Structures are given as C-alpha cells and as structure tokens.
Amino acid sequence: MANQPRVEKVWVVLLISMTVGATVLMALGSTPPSAGPFCLSSYYKINPVEAAVTSQAAQVPYRWNCVEVYYSGTKGGNLEQLAALNGLAYTEDINCHFVIGNGVGDGDGQMTSTEKWQKQWSVLPHKTWYGSGQTIRICVMADGVAVRPTECQVRRVGALIEELSQRFEIQRSCMYYPGDWPQ
C-alpha cells in the first residue's frame, strides 16, 4: 500500500496528458491527415501488379526483352484523358503498354494496362521513341519538370518492372528510365 500515492500520481498525469493531447488535436482541426505513402488505405484502392500484368492473349516467355519508362508530359490524367490529349479517338490507340496514375485523374500508383498489352502487341516507333518491337513501354503520369513522379508511382513502377523482368526474363541492363528518374 506504500505505492498508493504513486499510482494516484501516475493516473492524474495520464489524465492530464490525455486531456492536453485531445485539446491539441481538436485545435488542429477536424480534417483527417492526408493519405500519404505511409497510409495502407491508399494501397487497398489500387490493383495488384500481378493482375495488371495478366493479358487476354497468351504470353510467350521471350516475347519481350526491354522495358522503357517515360513521362506522359502532362500534370495528371488517366488513360482516356491521355488518349484525348494525344488526339486519339480511342484508348486502344495509346502507344504504350501500361499507364501509372499520380492521383490527378487516376489513383496514385493506379496501374492500367492498355489494349496493346492485353493483345500483346508492340508499340509503334514515333518521334520520341525508337525502341524495338520487343520493348514494353510504361507511361508515368507526370511531366518530369513541374510534376515529378510520386513516391507511390516510383514504387509501383519498380514492382511492375520486377514482375515483368521475372515473367519475361528481362535483364536489368535492358531497363530504361528518364534521366531524372528517382532511384
């Protein structure tokens, strides 16, 4: 019973600290913290990499031998908006295999496979790309200057490339990123 005054003091200090903590939280406002990269709820809203990599057409192990990651040149958007910005009538005409959203128009880290990936078709060379018919192109929704890729996009691209490299035995030396890509 000699500890009785000590226990009472601990309870009083605990009660005071909880009251002060609750008062501070109420003073900060009623809005919840933003869902940052630490928030698991944001990851439940995005599709698994394995689901994005599956396709309607049969996947042959040596069909692909290279991966290129590039910026969309936009501040955000999704597959439909990207098609419209490129003057395309249909999303099937997008010249990449995957689009990774940044939270503006599509979920942050949301991975969308295009019709070209679903049918295992090659993308067409054009003015900003001269890859081969065995190159997988991944479009990251960002312009690389004013809008940098988010941490979630970087992680999702890494996970996608890891899955693709295992599935198609693509060497690390055949992975191409924008010059300022965060490592």
N, C-alpha and C. Protein backbone atom coordinates (compact mmCIF):
# COMPACT_ATOMS: atom_id res chain seq x y z
N MET A 1 0.81 -1.20 0.00
CA MET A 1 0.00 0.00 0.00
C MET A 1 0.85 1.26 0.00
N ALA A 2 2.17 1.10 0.10
CA ALA A 2 3.06 2.26 0.08
C ALA A 2 3.10 2.89 -1.30
N ASN A 3 2.74 2.14 -2.35
CA ASN A 3 2.74 2.66 -3.72
C ASN A 3 1.46 3.39 -4.07
N GLN A 4 0.47 3.40 -3.20
CA GLN A 4 -0.83 4.02 -3.47
C GLN A 4 -0.69 5.47 -3.92
N PRO A 5 0.08 6.35 -3.26
CA PRO A 5 0.20 7.74 -3.72
C PRO A 5 0.87 7.82 -5.10
N ARG A 6 1.80 6.93 -5.38
CA ARG A 6 2.49 6.94 -6.68
C ARG A 6 1.52 6.57 -7.80
N VAL A 7 0.69 5.57 -7.57
CA VAL A 7 -0.30 5.14 -8.57
C VAL A 7 -1.28 6.28 -8.85
N GLU A 8 -1.70 6.95 -7.82
CA GLU A 8 -2.63 8.08 -8.00
C GLU A 8 -1.97 9.19 -8.81
N LYS A 9 -0.70 9.46 -8.55
CA LYS A 9 0.01 10.50 -9.31
C LYS A 9 0.13 10.12 -10.79
N VAL A 10 0.40 8.84 -11.06
CA VAL A 10 0.51 8.37 -12.45
C VAL A 10 -0.84 8.54 -13.16
N TRP A 11 -1.94 8.19 -12.48
CA TRP A 11 -3.26 8.33 -13.08
C TRP A 11 -3.59 9.80 -13.34
N VAL A 12 -3.24 10.68 -12.45
CA VAL A 12 -3.51 12.11 -12.63
C VAL A 12 -2.70 12.64 -13.81
N VAL A 13 -1.42 12.28 -13.89
CA VAL A 13 -0.57 12.73 -15.00
C VAL A 13 -1.09 12.17 -16.33
N LEU A 14 -1.50 10.92 -16.33
CA LEU A 14 -2.06 10.30 -17.54
C LEU A 14 -3.32 11.02 -17.98
N LEU A 15 -4.21 11.31 -17.06
CA LEU A 15 -5.45 12.03 -17.37
C LEU A 15 -5.17 13.41 -17.91
N ILE A 16 -4.23 14.12 -17.30
CA ILE A 16 -3.88 15.47 -17.77
C ILE A 16 -3.27 15.40 -19.17
N SER A 17 -2.36 14.46 -19.40
CA SER A 17 -1.71 14.37 -20.72
C SER A 17 -2.71 14.00 -21.80
N MET A 18 -3.65 13.11 -21.50
CA MET A 18 -4.67 12.76 -22.49
C MET A 18 -5.57 13.95 -22.78
N THR A 19 -5.92 14.71 -21.78
CA THR A 19 -6.75 15.89 -21.97
C THR A 19 -6.03 16.93 -22.82
N VAL A 20 -4.76 17.16 -22.51
CA VAL A 20 -3.98 18.13 -23.30
C VAL A 20 -3.84 17.64 -24.74
N GLY A 21 -3.57 16.35 -24.93
CA GLY A 21 -3.45 15.79 -26.28
C GLY A 21 -4.73 15.93 -27.08
N ALA A 22 -5.86 15.63 -26.46
CA ALA A 22 -7.16 15.75 -27.14
C ALA A 22 -7.45 17.20 -27.48
N THR A 23 -7.10 18.12 -26.60
CA THR A 23 -7.31 19.54 -26.87
C THR A 23 -6.47 20.01 -28.04
N VAL A 24 -5.23 19.58 -28.11
CA VAL A 24 -4.35 19.94 -29.22
C VAL A 24 -4.90 19.39 -30.53
N LEU A 25 -5.33 18.13 -30.55
CA LEU A 25 -5.89 17.54 -31.76
C LEU A 25 -7.15 18.26 -32.23
N MET A 26 -8.01 18.64 -31.30
CA MET A 26 -9.21 19.38 -31.66
C MET A 26 -8.86 20.76 -32.19
N ALA A 27 -7.82 21.38 -31.66
CA ALA A 27 -7.40 22.69 -32.13
C ALA A 27 -6.82 22.63 -33.54
N LEU A 28 -6.24 21.50 -33.92
CA LEU A 28 -5.66 21.35 -35.25
C LEU A 28 -6.72 21.23 -36.33
N GLY A 29 -7.91 20.91 -35.98
CA GLY A 29 -9.00 20.82 -36.95
C GLY A 29 -9.62 19.45 -36.99
N SER A 30 -10.70 19.35 -37.73
CA SER A 30 -11.42 18.09 -37.79
C SER A 30 -11.09 17.29 -39.04
N THR A 31 -10.20 17.80 -39.90
CA THR A 31 -9.86 17.06 -41.11
C THR A 31 -8.84 15.97 -40.78
N PRO A 32 -9.02 14.78 -41.35
CA PRO A 32 -8.06 13.71 -41.09
C PRO A 32 -6.76 13.98 -41.82
N PRO A 33 -5.67 13.35 -41.41
CA PRO A 33 -4.42 13.55 -42.13
C PRO A 33 -4.54 13.02 -43.56
N SER A 34 -3.81 13.64 -44.47
CA SER A 34 -3.88 13.20 -45.85
C SER A 34 -3.28 11.81 -45.98
N ALA A 35 -3.80 11.06 -46.93
CA ALA A 35 -3.31 9.70 -47.15
C ALA A 35 -2.00 9.77 -47.91
N GLY A 36 -0.92 9.72 -47.22
CA GLY A 36 0.40 9.78 -47.83
C GLY A 36 0.91 8.38 -48.15
N PRO A 37 2.19 8.28 -48.51
CA PRO A 37 2.73 6.98 -48.87
C PRO A 37 2.75 5.99 -47.70
N PHE A 38 2.58 6.49 -46.48
CA PHE A 38 2.59 5.61 -45.31
C PHE A 38 1.23 4.99 -45.05
N CYS A 39 0.21 5.45 -45.73
CA CYS A 39 -1.16 5.06 -45.44
C CYS A 39 -1.56 3.80 -46.20
N LEU A 40 -1.88 2.74 -45.48
CA LEU A 40 -2.24 1.49 -46.12
C LEU A 40 -3.55 1.57 -46.88
N SER A 41 -4.44 2.46 -46.49
CA SER A 41 -5.73 2.53 -47.18
C SER A 41 -5.56 2.91 -48.64
N SER A 42 -4.53 3.69 -48.96
CA SER A 42 -4.32 4.07 -50.34
C SER A 42 -3.90 2.87 -51.18
N TYR A 43 -3.26 1.88 -50.59
CA TYR A 43 -2.83 0.71 -51.33
C TYR A 43 -3.96 -0.28 -51.56
N TYR A 44 -5.00 -0.24 -50.77
CA TYR A 44 -6.12 -1.13 -50.98
C TYR A 44 -6.96 -0.71 -52.18
N LYS A 45 -6.83 0.52 -52.61
CA LYS A 45 -7.62 1.03 -53.71
C LYS A 45 -6.97 0.78 -55.06
N ILE A 46 -5.71 0.36 -55.09
CA ILE A 46 -5.03 0.13 -56.36
C ILE A 46 -4.95 -1.36 -56.65
N ASN A 47 -4.87 -1.66 -57.93
CA ASN A 47 -4.88 -3.06 -58.34
C ASN A 47 -3.52 -3.72 -58.13
N PRO A 48 -3.50 -5.02 -57.88
CA PRO A 48 -2.22 -5.72 -57.70
C PRO A 48 -1.44 -5.78 -59.02
N VAL A 49 -0.15 -5.79 -58.91
CA VAL A 49 0.73 -5.82 -60.08
C VAL A 49 0.44 -7.08 -60.92
N GLU A 50 0.27 -8.19 -60.25
CA GLU A 50 0.04 -9.45 -60.97
C GLU A 50 -1.21 -9.37 -61.84
N ALA A 51 -2.24 -8.71 -61.34
CA ALA A 51 -3.48 -8.56 -62.11
C ALA A 51 -3.27 -7.65 -63.32
N ALA A 52 -2.47 -6.61 -63.16
CA ALA A 52 -2.21 -5.69 -64.27
C ALA A 52 -1.38 -6.35 -65.35
N VAL A 53 -0.51 -7.25 -64.99
CA VAL A 53 0.40 -7.88 -65.96
C VAL A 53 -0.29 -8.98 -66.76
N THR A 54 -1.36 -9.55 -66.23
CA THR A 54 -2.06 -10.58 -66.99
C THR A 54 -2.67 -9.96 -68.24
N SER A 55 -2.83 -10.78 -69.26
CA SER A 55 -3.37 -10.27 -70.53
C SER A 55 -4.34 -11.27 -71.13
N GLN A 56 -5.11 -10.80 -72.11
CA GLN A 56 -6.07 -11.67 -72.79
C GLN A 56 -5.34 -12.64 -73.71
N ALA A 57 -4.27 -12.17 -74.34
CA ALA A 57 -3.50 -13.00 -75.27
C ALA A 57 -2.48 -13.83 -74.49
N ALA A 58 -2.06 -14.92 -75.10
CA ALA A 58 -1.04 -15.77 -74.47
C ALA A 58 0.28 -15.01 -74.35
N GLN A 59 0.96 -15.21 -73.25
CA GLN A 59 2.24 -14.55 -73.01
C GLN A 59 3.36 -15.56 -73.22
N VAL A 60 4.24 -15.24 -74.17
CA VAL A 60 5.37 -16.10 -74.50
C VAL A 60 6.59 -15.60 -73.73
N PRO A 61 7.36 -16.49 -73.10
CA PRO A 61 8.47 -16.06 -72.24
C PRO A 61 9.46 -15.10 -72.89
N TYR A 62 9.81 -15.28 -74.14
CA TYR A 62 10.84 -14.42 -74.76
C TYR A 62 10.25 -13.38 -75.70
N ARG A 63 8.97 -13.07 -75.54
CA ARG A 63 8.31 -12.08 -76.40
C ARG A 63 8.87 -10.68 -76.17
N TRP A 64 9.18 -10.35 -74.93
CA TRP A 64 9.65 -9.02 -74.57
C TRP A 64 11.08 -9.10 -74.03
N ASN A 65 11.92 -8.12 -74.40
CA ASN A 65 13.30 -8.15 -73.91
C ASN A 65 13.79 -6.80 -73.39
N CYS A 66 12.91 -5.82 -73.31
CA CYS A 66 13.32 -4.48 -72.90
C CYS A 66 12.13 -3.75 -72.27
N VAL A 67 12.41 -2.86 -71.32
CA VAL A 67 11.36 -2.04 -70.69
C VAL A 67 11.81 -0.59 -70.73
N GLU A 68 10.90 0.29 -71.15
CA GLU A 68 11.18 1.72 -71.15
C GLU A 68 10.12 2.44 -70.32
N VAL A 69 10.56 3.27 -69.39
CA VAL A 69 9.67 4.10 -68.59
C VAL A 69 9.81 5.52 -69.10
N TYR A 70 8.69 6.20 -69.32
CA TYR A 70 8.73 7.58 -69.79
C TYR A 70 7.61 8.38 -69.17
N TYR A 71 7.76 9.71 -69.18
CA TYR A 71 6.74 10.61 -68.64
C TYR A 71 5.69 10.91 -69.71
N SER A 72 4.46 11.10 -69.26
CA SER A 72 3.37 11.42 -70.17
C SER A 72 3.47 12.84 -70.71
N GLY A 73 4.18 13.70 -69.98
CA GLY A 73 4.27 15.10 -70.39
C GLY A 73 3.07 15.90 -69.92
N THR A 74 2.27 15.33 -69.04
CA THR A 74 1.09 16.00 -68.51
C THR A 74 1.19 16.09 -66.99
N LYS A 75 0.32 16.91 -66.41
CA LYS A 75 0.32 17.05 -64.95
C LYS A 75 -0.48 15.95 -64.28
N GLY A 76 -1.27 15.23 -65.03
CA GLY A 76 -2.09 14.16 -64.49
C GLY A 76 -3.01 13.63 -65.56
N GLY A 77 -3.95 12.83 -65.13
CA GLY A 77 -4.92 12.28 -66.06
C GLY A 77 -5.02 10.78 -65.93
N ASN A 78 -5.79 10.20 -66.83
CA ASN A 78 -5.94 8.76 -66.88
C ASN A 78 -5.84 8.31 -68.34
N LEU A 79 -6.12 7.06 -68.60
CA LEU A 79 -5.97 6.51 -69.94
C LEU A 79 -6.82 7.27 -70.96
N GLU A 80 -8.06 7.56 -70.61
CA GLU A 80 -8.96 8.26 -71.54
C GLU A 80 -8.47 9.68 -71.81
N GLN A 81 -8.06 10.38 -70.77
CA GLN A 81 -7.57 11.75 -70.94
C GLN A 81 -6.27 11.78 -71.73
N LEU A 82 -5.42 10.80 -71.50
CA LEU A 82 -4.16 10.72 -72.24
C LEU A 82 -4.42 10.50 -73.73
N ALA A 83 -5.39 9.66 -74.05
CA ALA A 83 -5.76 9.44 -75.45
C ALA A 83 -6.28 10.74 -76.06
N ALA A 84 -7.14 11.44 -75.35
CA ALA A 84 -7.70 12.70 -75.87
C ALA A 84 -6.61 13.75 -76.07
N LEU A 85 -5.69 13.86 -75.12
CA LEU A 85 -4.61 14.83 -75.24
C LEU A 85 -3.67 14.54 -76.41
N ASN A 86 -3.57 13.27 -76.78
CA ASN A 86 -2.73 12.88 -77.92
C ASN A 86 -3.51 12.88 -79.23
N GLY A 87 -4.75 13.36 -79.20
CA GLY A 87 -5.57 13.44 -80.40
C GLY A 87 -6.08 12.10 -80.89
N LEU A 88 -6.18 11.14 -80.00
CA LEU A 88 -6.64 9.81 -80.37
C LEU A 88 -8.12 9.65 -80.06
N ALA A 89 -8.83 8.98 -80.94
CA ALA A 89 -10.26 8.80 -80.75
C ALA A 89 -10.56 7.68 -79.74
N TYR A 90 -9.66 6.72 -79.64
CA TYR A 90 -9.91 5.56 -78.80
C TYR A 90 -8.71 5.29 -77.90
N THR A 91 -8.98 4.77 -76.71
CA THR A 91 -7.88 4.42 -75.80
C THR A 91 -7.06 3.26 -76.35
N GLU A 92 -7.63 2.48 -77.24
CA GLU A 92 -6.91 1.36 -77.84
C GLU A 92 -5.70 1.82 -78.65
N ASP A 93 -5.71 3.10 -79.05
CA ASP A 93 -4.63 3.64 -79.89
C ASP A 93 -3.47 4.21 -79.08
N ILE A 94 -3.56 4.18 -77.75
CA ILE A 94 -2.46 4.65 -76.91
C ILE A 94 -1.21 3.84 -77.23
N ASN A 95 -0.08 4.53 -77.36
CA ASN A 95 1.14 3.88 -77.79
C ASN A 95 2.03 3.49 -76.61
N CYS A 96 1.46 2.78 -75.65
CA CYS A 96 2.23 2.24 -74.53
C CYS A 96 1.49 1.02 -74.01
N HIS A 97 2.11 0.33 -73.09
CA HIS A 97 1.51 -0.89 -72.55
C HIS A 97 0.86 -0.69 -71.19
N PHE A 98 1.44 0.23 -70.39
CA PHE A 98 0.91 0.49 -69.05
C PHE A 98 0.90 1.98 -68.79
N VAL A 99 -0.08 2.44 -68.02
CA VAL A 99 -0.16 3.83 -67.57
C VAL A 99 -0.24 3.79 -66.04
N ILE A 100 0.63 4.58 -65.39
CA ILE A 100 0.68 4.64 -63.93
C ILE A 100 0.19 6.02 -63.49
N GLY A 101 -0.94 6.07 -62.79
CA GLY A 101 -1.55 7.34 -62.36
C GLY A 101 -0.80 7.99 -61.20
N ASN A 102 -1.04 9.31 -61.05
CA ASN A 102 -0.37 10.06 -59.97
C ASN A 102 -1.35 10.68 -58.98
N GLY A 103 -2.62 10.30 -59.04
CA GLY A 103 -3.60 10.84 -58.11
C GLY A 103 -4.40 11.98 -58.69
N VAL A 104 -4.03 12.46 -59.87
CA VAL A 104 -4.76 13.53 -60.55
C VAL A 104 -5.40 12.90 -61.79
N GLY A 105 -6.66 12.53 -61.69
CA GLY A 105 -7.36 11.88 -62.79
C GLY A 105 -7.44 10.37 -62.63
N ASP A 106 -6.50 9.80 -61.96
CA ASP A 106 -6.46 8.37 -61.67
C ASP A 106 -5.80 8.22 -60.31
N GLY A 107 -6.00 7.11 -59.65
CA GLY A 107 -5.42 6.93 -58.32
C GLY A 107 -3.90 6.98 -58.34
N ASP A 108 -3.31 7.45 -57.26
CA ASP A 108 -1.86 7.50 -57.16
C ASP A 108 -1.33 6.07 -57.16
N GLY A 109 -0.53 5.73 -58.17
CA GLY A 109 0.00 4.38 -58.29
C GLY A 109 -0.93 3.42 -59.02
N GLN A 110 -2.10 3.91 -59.43
CA GLN A 110 -3.05 3.04 -60.15
C GLN A 110 -2.41 2.62 -61.47
N MET A 111 -2.38 1.34 -61.71
CA MET A 111 -1.74 0.76 -62.88
C MET A 111 -2.81 0.29 -63.84
N THR A 112 -2.79 0.82 -65.06
CA THR A 112 -3.76 0.43 -66.07
C THR A 112 -3.03 -0.16 -67.25
N SER A 113 -3.41 -1.37 -67.64
CA SER A 113 -2.82 -1.96 -68.84
C SER A 113 -3.65 -1.53 -70.04
N THR A 114 -2.98 -1.29 -71.14
CA THR A 114 -3.66 -0.82 -72.35
C THR A 114 -4.06 -2.00 -73.24
N GLU A 115 -4.77 -1.68 -74.29
CA GLU A 115 -5.20 -2.69 -75.24
C GLU A 115 -4.00 -3.36 -75.90
N LYS A 116 -2.94 -2.58 -76.13
CA LYS A 116 -1.73 -3.16 -76.73
C LYS A 116 -1.16 -4.25 -75.82
N TRP A 117 -1.19 -4.04 -74.51
CA TRP A 117 -0.69 -5.08 -73.60
C TRP A 117 -1.64 -6.26 -73.58
N GLN A 118 -2.93 -6.00 -73.53
CA GLN A 118 -3.91 -7.08 -73.47
C GLN A 118 -3.79 -8.01 -74.66
N LYS A 119 -3.45 -7.45 -75.82
CA LYS A 119 -3.32 -8.27 -77.03
C LYS A 119 -1.86 -8.64 -77.32
N GLN A 120 -0.94 -8.19 -76.43
CA GLN A 120 0.49 -8.47 -76.58
C GLN A 120 1.04 -7.94 -77.91
N TRP A 121 0.61 -6.73 -78.25
CA TRP A 121 1.08 -6.08 -79.46
C TRP A 121 2.24 -5.15 -79.14
N SER A 122 3.09 -4.94 -80.10
CA SER A 122 4.19 -3.99 -79.96
C SER A 122 3.67 -2.57 -80.12
N VAL A 123 4.37 -1.62 -79.50
CA VAL A 123 4.03 -0.21 -79.73
C VAL A 123 4.74 0.24 -80.99
N LEU A 124 4.24 1.32 -81.57
CA LEU A 124 4.80 1.81 -82.83
C LEU A 124 5.86 2.87 -82.57
N PRO A 125 7.00 2.78 -83.25
CA PRO A 125 8.01 3.83 -83.09
C PRO A 125 7.45 5.17 -83.57
N HIS A 126 7.84 6.25 -82.89
CA HIS A 126 7.45 7.59 -83.30
C HIS A 126 8.55 8.55 -82.90
N LYS A 127 8.27 9.85 -82.95
CA LYS A 127 9.32 10.87 -82.78
C LYS A 127 10.06 10.83 -81.45
N THR A 128 9.44 10.33 -80.38
CA THR A 128 10.12 10.33 -79.07
C THR A 128 10.60 8.95 -78.65
N TRP A 129 10.43 7.96 -79.53
CA TRP A 129 10.84 6.61 -79.15
C TRP A 129 11.25 5.82 -80.38
N TYR A 130 12.34 5.13 -80.26
CA TYR A 130 12.84 4.32 -81.37
C TYR A 130 13.18 2.91 -80.90
N GLY A 131 12.45 2.40 -79.95
CA GLY A 131 12.70 1.06 -79.41
C GLY A 131 12.35 -0.01 -80.42
N SER A 132 12.53 -1.24 -80.01
CA SER A 132 12.23 -2.36 -80.89
C SER A 132 10.80 -2.85 -80.64
N GLY A 133 10.40 -3.82 -81.42
CA GLY A 133 9.09 -4.41 -81.26
C GLY A 133 8.98 -5.29 -80.03
N GLN A 134 10.08 -5.42 -79.28
CA GLN A 134 10.08 -6.24 -78.07
C GLN A 134 10.21 -5.38 -76.81
N THR A 135 9.93 -4.09 -76.94
CA THR A 135 10.05 -3.17 -75.81
C THR A 135 8.69 -2.93 -75.17
N ILE A 136 8.63 -3.09 -73.85
CA ILE A 136 7.43 -2.77 -73.08
C ILE A 136 7.55 -1.31 -72.65
N ARG A 137 6.55 -0.49 -72.96
CA ARG A 137 6.57 0.93 -72.60
C ARG A 137 5.62 1.18 -71.44
N ILE A 138 6.14 1.90 -70.44
CA ILE A 138 5.36 2.25 -69.25
C ILE A 138 5.28 3.76 -69.18
N CYS A 139 4.07 4.30 -69.23
CA CYS A 139 3.84 5.75 -69.19
C CYS A 139 3.51 6.16 -67.75
N VAL A 140 4.32 7.06 -67.21
CA VAL A 140 4.11 7.57 -65.86
C VAL A 140 3.47 8.95 -65.99
N MET A 141 2.31 9.12 -65.37
CA MET A 141 1.59 10.40 -65.46
C MET A 141 2.34 11.47 -64.67
N ALA A 142 3.15 12.22 -65.37
CA ALA A 142 3.92 13.34 -64.82
C ALA A 142 4.60 14.00 -66.00
N ASP A 143 5.03 15.24 -65.81
CA ASP A 143 5.77 15.88 -66.90
C ASP A 143 7.27 15.86 -66.65
N GLY A 144 7.68 15.45 -65.46
CA GLY A 144 9.09 15.35 -65.16
C GLY A 144 9.75 16.65 -64.76
N VAL A 145 9.03 17.77 -64.90
CA VAL A 145 9.60 19.08 -64.56
C VAL A 145 8.80 19.69 -63.41
N ALA A 146 7.61 20.18 -63.72
CA ALA A 146 6.76 20.78 -62.68
C ALA A 146 6.11 19.70 -61.82
N VAL A 147 5.76 18.60 -62.43
CA VAL A 147 5.13 17.49 -61.72
C VAL A 147 6.06 16.29 -61.79
N ARG A 148 6.64 15.97 -60.67
CA ARG A 148 7.57 14.84 -60.56
C ARG A 148 6.76 13.58 -60.23
N PRO A 149 7.30 12.41 -60.52
CA PRO A 149 6.57 11.19 -60.14
C PRO A 149 6.46 11.09 -58.62
N THR A 150 5.33 10.61 -58.17
CA THR A 150 5.12 10.46 -56.73
C THR A 150 5.90 9.25 -56.22
N GLU A 151 6.07 9.20 -54.92
CA GLU A 151 6.76 8.07 -54.31
C GLU A 151 6.03 6.77 -54.61
N CYS A 152 4.71 6.85 -54.60
CA CYS A 152 3.90 5.66 -54.88
C CYS A 152 4.11 5.21 -56.34
N GLN A 153 4.17 6.16 -57.27
CA GLN A 153 4.41 5.81 -58.67
C GLN A 153 5.77 5.12 -58.83
N VAL A 154 6.76 5.66 -58.18
CA VAL A 154 8.11 5.08 -58.28
C VAL A 154 8.11 3.65 -57.76
N ARG A 155 7.47 3.42 -56.63
CA ARG A 155 7.41 2.07 -56.07
C ARG A 155 6.61 1.12 -56.95
N ARG A 156 5.51 1.62 -57.49
CA ARG A 156 4.67 0.76 -58.34
C ARG A 156 5.38 0.43 -59.66
N VAL A 157 6.09 1.39 -60.22
CA VAL A 157 6.86 1.11 -61.43
C VAL A 157 7.93 0.07 -61.11
N GLY A 158 8.58 0.20 -59.96
CA GLY A 158 9.58 -0.79 -59.55
C GLY A 158 8.98 -2.18 -59.41
N ALA A 159 7.80 -2.26 -58.81
CA ALA A 159 7.13 -3.56 -58.64
C ALA A 159 6.70 -4.12 -59.99
N LEU A 160 6.22 -3.26 -60.88
CA LEU A 160 5.81 -3.70 -62.21
C LEU A 160 7.02 -4.23 -62.99
N ILE A 161 8.11 -3.50 -62.95
CA ILE A 161 9.31 -3.93 -63.66
C ILE A 161 9.86 -5.22 -63.08
N GLU A 162 9.79 -5.36 -61.78
CA GLU A 162 10.23 -6.60 -61.14
C GLU A 162 9.40 -7.78 -61.64
N GLU A 163 8.10 -7.61 -61.69
CA GLU A 163 7.21 -8.68 -62.17
C GLU A 163 7.47 -8.99 -63.64
N LEU A 164 7.62 -7.94 -64.46
CA LEU A 164 7.88 -8.15 -65.89
C LEU A 164 9.23 -8.83 -66.12
N SER A 165 10.24 -8.40 -65.37
CA SER A 165 11.57 -8.99 -65.57
C SER A 165 11.59 -10.46 -65.16
N GLN A 166 10.84 -10.82 -64.14
CA GLN A 166 10.77 -12.23 -63.75
C GLN A 166 9.96 -13.04 -64.75
N ARG A 167 8.85 -12.49 -65.16
CA ARG A 167 7.95 -13.23 -66.05
C ARG A 167 8.55 -13.43 -67.45
N PHE A 168 9.26 -12.40 -67.95
CA PHE A 168 9.79 -12.46 -69.31
C PHE A 168 11.32 -12.54 -69.37
N GLU A 169 11.95 -12.73 -68.21
CA GLU A 169 13.40 -12.87 -68.13
C GLU A 169 14.13 -11.69 -68.79
N ILE A 170 13.71 -10.49 -68.45
CA ILE A 170 14.32 -9.27 -68.99
C ILE A 170 15.48 -8.87 -68.10
N GLN A 171 16.62 -8.61 -68.69
CA GLN A 171 17.82 -8.24 -67.95
C GLN A 171 17.74 -6.80 -67.44
N ARG A 172 18.37 -6.54 -66.31
CA ARG A 172 18.40 -5.18 -65.72
C ARG A 172 19.04 -4.17 -66.67
N SER A 173 19.98 -4.62 -67.47
CA SER A 173 20.66 -3.71 -68.41
C SER A 173 19.73 -3.26 -69.53
N CYS A 174 18.57 -3.87 -69.64
CA CYS A 174 17.60 -3.51 -70.69
C CYS A 174 16.42 -2.74 -70.12
N MET A 175 16.62 -2.07 -68.98
CA MET A 175 15.59 -1.23 -68.37
C MET A 175 15.99 0.23 -68.56
N TYR A 176 15.13 1.00 -69.16
CA TYR A 176 15.44 2.40 -69.45
C TYR A 176 14.45 3.32 -68.75
N TYR A 177 15.00 4.31 -68.07
CA TYR A 177 14.21 5.27 -67.29
C TYR A 177 14.52 6.67 -67.80
N PRO A 178 13.65 7.64 -67.50
CA PRO A 178 14.01 9.03 -67.79
C PRO A 178 15.30 9.40 -67.03
N GLY A 179 16.05 10.33 -67.56
CA GLY A 179 17.33 10.70 -66.98
C GLY A 179 17.25 11.15 -65.53
N ASP A 180 16.14 11.73 -65.12
CA ASP A 180 15.99 12.23 -63.76
C ASP A 180 15.11 11.33 -62.88
N TRP A 181 15.00 10.07 -63.27
CA TRP A 181 14.14 9.14 -62.51
C TRP A 181 14.72 8.90 -61.12
N PRO A 182 13.89 9.03 -60.07
CA PRO A 182 14.38 8.78 -58.71
C PRO A 182 14.71 7.30 -58.52
N GLN A 183 15.84 7.02 -57.95
CA GLN A 183 16.26 5.62 -57.74
C GLN A 183 16.09 5.21 -56.31
